[in-house]
Amino acid sequence: MSSATAIAKLHSPVKELVEGATKEGSAEFGKSEKDKAEVTEWIERVAAGEAAKPENLKVLDF
């Protein structure tokens, strides 16, 4: 799925925030295809409400 398709699934105001901060194909989405896929995956998780679930917050810990 492209980043634009993933962004379209976001709800306002997060959608506007991401659109304002990035453009399709920009460096903000990553330099490699792997990076771009990972960013798109995270956008999809946020759009689906998965990122805010307590069990998924540990993924963000480094």
N, C-alpha and C. Protein backbone atom coordinates (compact mmCIF):
# COMPACT_ATOMS: atom_id res chain seq x y z
N MET A 1 0.85 -1.17 0.00
CA MET A 1 0.00 0.00 0.00
C MET A 1 0.90 1.23 0.00
N SER A 2 0.53 2.24 -0.76
CA SER A 2 1.32 3.45 -0.81
C SER A 2 1.09 4.29 0.44
N SER A 3 2.03 5.19 0.69
CA SER A 3 1.89 6.06 1.86
C SER A 3 0.68 6.96 1.73
N ALA A 4 0.37 7.42 0.52
CA ALA A 4 -0.80 8.28 0.31
C ALA A 4 -2.09 7.54 0.66
N THR A 5 -2.17 6.28 0.31
CA THR A 5 -3.35 5.47 0.64
C THR A 5 -3.46 5.29 2.14
N ALA A 6 -2.34 5.06 2.79
CA ALA A 6 -2.34 4.89 4.25
C ALA A 6 -2.74 6.19 4.94
N ILE A 7 -2.21 7.31 4.48
CA ILE A 7 -2.54 8.61 5.07
C ILE A 7 -4.02 8.92 4.92
N ALA A 8 -4.61 8.52 3.81
CA ALA A 8 -6.03 8.78 3.57
C ALA A 8 -6.91 8.11 4.62
N LYS A 9 -6.41 7.06 5.27
CA LYS A 9 -7.19 6.36 6.29
C LYS A 9 -7.15 7.05 7.65
N LEU A 10 -6.23 7.98 7.83
CA LEU A 10 -6.10 8.68 9.12
C LEU A 10 -7.28 9.61 9.34
N HIS A 11 -7.58 9.85 10.61
CA HIS A 11 -8.65 10.78 10.97
C HIS A 11 -8.04 12.16 11.23
N SER A 12 -8.85 13.20 11.03
CA SER A 12 -8.42 14.56 11.35
C SER A 12 -8.24 14.66 12.85
N PRO A 13 -7.36 15.42 13.36
CA PRO A 13 -6.35 16.27 12.74
C PRO A 13 -5.03 15.57 12.46
N VAL A 14 -4.92 14.28 12.79
CA VAL A 14 -3.68 13.56 12.53
C VAL A 14 -3.38 13.52 11.04
N LYS A 15 -4.41 13.33 10.23
CA LYS A 15 -4.22 13.28 8.78
C LYS A 15 -3.59 14.58 8.28
N GLU A 16 -4.12 15.71 8.72
CA GLU A 16 -3.59 17.00 8.28
C GLU A 16 -2.17 17.22 8.78
N LEU A 17 -1.89 16.74 9.98
CA LEU A 17 -0.54 16.86 10.53
C LEU A 17 0.47 16.10 9.68
N VAL A 18 0.14 14.86 9.34
CA VAL A 18 1.05 14.04 8.53
C VAL A 18 1.17 14.62 7.12
N GLU A 19 0.06 15.04 6.54
CA GLU A 19 0.11 15.62 5.19
C GLU A 19 0.94 16.90 5.17
N GLY A 20 0.82 17.71 6.21
CA GLY A 20 1.58 18.95 6.27
C GLY A 20 3.06 18.74 6.49
N ALA A 21 3.41 17.65 7.14
CA ALA A 21 4.82 17.38 7.46
C ALA A 21 5.55 16.62 6.36
N THR A 22 4.81 15.98 5.49
CA THR A 22 5.45 15.13 4.48
C THR A 22 4.78 15.29 3.12
N LYS A 23 5.49 14.85 2.13
CA LYS A 23 4.94 14.77 0.78
C LYS A 23 5.30 13.40 0.24
N GLU A 24 4.47 12.86 -0.62
CA GLU A 24 4.72 11.54 -1.21
C GLU A 24 6.12 11.51 -1.80
N GLY A 25 6.88 10.51 -1.41
CA GLY A 25 8.23 10.34 -1.94
C GLY A 25 9.29 11.17 -1.23
N SER A 26 8.91 11.90 -0.20
CA SER A 26 9.88 12.74 0.48
C SER A 26 10.77 11.90 1.40
N ALA A 27 11.84 12.51 1.86
CA ALA A 27 12.79 11.82 2.74
C ALA A 27 12.17 11.46 4.08
N GLU A 28 11.10 12.16 4.48
CA GLU A 28 10.45 11.87 5.75
C GLU A 28 9.89 10.46 5.80
N PHE A 29 9.65 9.86 4.65
CA PHE A 29 9.13 8.50 4.60
C PHE A 29 10.24 7.47 4.55
N GLY A 30 11.49 7.90 4.60
CA GLY A 30 12.61 6.98 4.62
C GLY A 30 13.41 7.02 3.34
N LYS A 31 14.66 6.63 3.47
CA LYS A 31 15.54 6.63 2.30
C LYS A 31 15.44 5.33 1.52
N SER A 32 15.29 4.22 2.22
CA SER A 32 15.22 2.93 1.53
C SER A 32 13.76 2.49 1.41
N GLU A 33 13.53 1.52 0.57
CA GLU A 33 12.18 0.98 0.41
C GLU A 33 11.70 0.34 1.71
N LYS A 34 12.64 -0.28 2.44
CA LYS A 34 12.30 -0.89 3.73
C LYS A 34 11.81 0.18 4.71
N ASP A 35 12.52 1.31 4.77
CA ASP A 35 12.12 2.41 5.66
C ASP A 35 10.73 2.93 5.29
N LYS A 36 10.51 3.11 3.99
CA LYS A 36 9.23 3.63 3.53
C LYS A 36 8.09 2.68 3.87
N ALA A 37 8.34 1.38 3.73
CA ALA A 37 7.32 0.38 4.07
C ALA A 37 7.02 0.41 5.56
N GLU A 38 8.05 0.58 6.38
CA GLU A 38 7.85 0.62 7.83
C GLU A 38 7.05 1.85 8.24
N VAL A 39 7.35 3.01 7.66
CA VAL A 39 6.60 4.23 7.96
C VAL A 39 5.14 4.05 7.56
N THR A 40 4.91 3.50 6.38
CA THR A 40 3.54 3.26 5.92
C THR A 40 2.82 2.30 6.85
N GLU A 41 3.52 1.27 7.33
CA GLU A 41 2.92 0.32 8.27
C GLU A 41 2.49 1.01 9.56
N TRP A 42 3.34 1.91 10.07
CA TRP A 42 2.98 2.63 11.29
C TRP A 42 1.79 3.56 11.07
N ILE A 43 1.73 4.20 9.92
CA ILE A 43 0.58 5.05 9.61
C ILE A 43 -0.69 4.21 9.58
N GLU A 44 -0.61 3.02 8.99
CA GLU A 44 -1.77 2.12 8.95
C GLU A 44 -2.18 1.70 10.36
N ARG A 45 -1.20 1.43 11.22
CA ARG A 45 -1.50 1.05 12.61
C ARG A 45 -2.23 2.18 13.33
N VAL A 46 -1.76 3.39 13.15
CA VAL A 46 -2.40 4.54 13.79
C VAL A 46 -3.82 4.70 13.26
N ALA A 47 -4.00 4.58 11.95
CA ALA A 47 -5.33 4.73 11.35
C ALA A 47 -6.30 3.67 11.87
N ALA A 48 -5.80 2.48 12.13
CA ALA A 48 -6.64 1.38 12.62
C ALA A 48 -6.86 1.44 14.13
N GLY A 49 -6.17 2.36 14.80
CA GLY A 49 -6.30 2.47 16.24
C GLY A 49 -5.45 1.48 17.01
N GLU A 50 -4.59 0.77 16.32
CA GLU A 50 -3.76 -0.25 16.96
C GLU A 50 -2.62 0.34 17.78
N ALA A 51 -2.08 1.46 17.36
CA ALA A 51 -0.90 2.02 18.02
C ALA A 51 -1.19 2.46 19.45
N ALA A 52 -2.42 2.82 19.74
CA ALA A 52 -2.76 3.34 21.07
C ALA A 52 -3.15 2.25 22.07
N LYS A 53 -3.24 1.02 21.64
CA LYS A 53 -3.59 -0.07 22.56
C LYS A 53 -2.43 -0.32 23.51
N PRO A 54 -2.71 -0.52 24.79
CA PRO A 54 -1.64 -0.71 25.78
C PRO A 54 -0.64 -1.81 25.41
N GLU A 55 -1.12 -2.90 24.85
CA GLU A 55 -0.21 -4.00 24.52
C GLU A 55 0.74 -3.65 23.38
N ASN A 56 0.41 -2.64 22.60
CA ASN A 56 1.26 -2.24 21.48
C ASN A 56 2.23 -1.12 21.84
N LEU A 57 2.05 -0.49 22.98
CA LEU A 57 2.93 0.61 23.35
C LEU A 57 4.35 0.13 23.64
N LYS A 58 4.52 -1.11 24.06
CA LYS A 58 5.86 -1.63 24.32
C LYS A 58 6.70 -1.68 23.05
N VAL A 59 6.07 -1.76 21.90
CA VAL A 59 6.79 -1.77 20.63
C VAL A 59 7.56 -0.46 20.46
N LEU A 60 7.05 0.61 21.06
CA LEU A 60 7.68 1.91 20.93
C LEU A 60 8.88 2.09 21.86
N ASP A 61 9.01 1.22 22.87
CA ASP A 61 10.14 1.29 23.79
C ASP A 61 11.42 0.87 23.08
N PHE A 62 12.47 1.59 23.35
CA PHE A 62 13.75 1.26 22.74
C PHE A 62 14.67 0.65 23.74
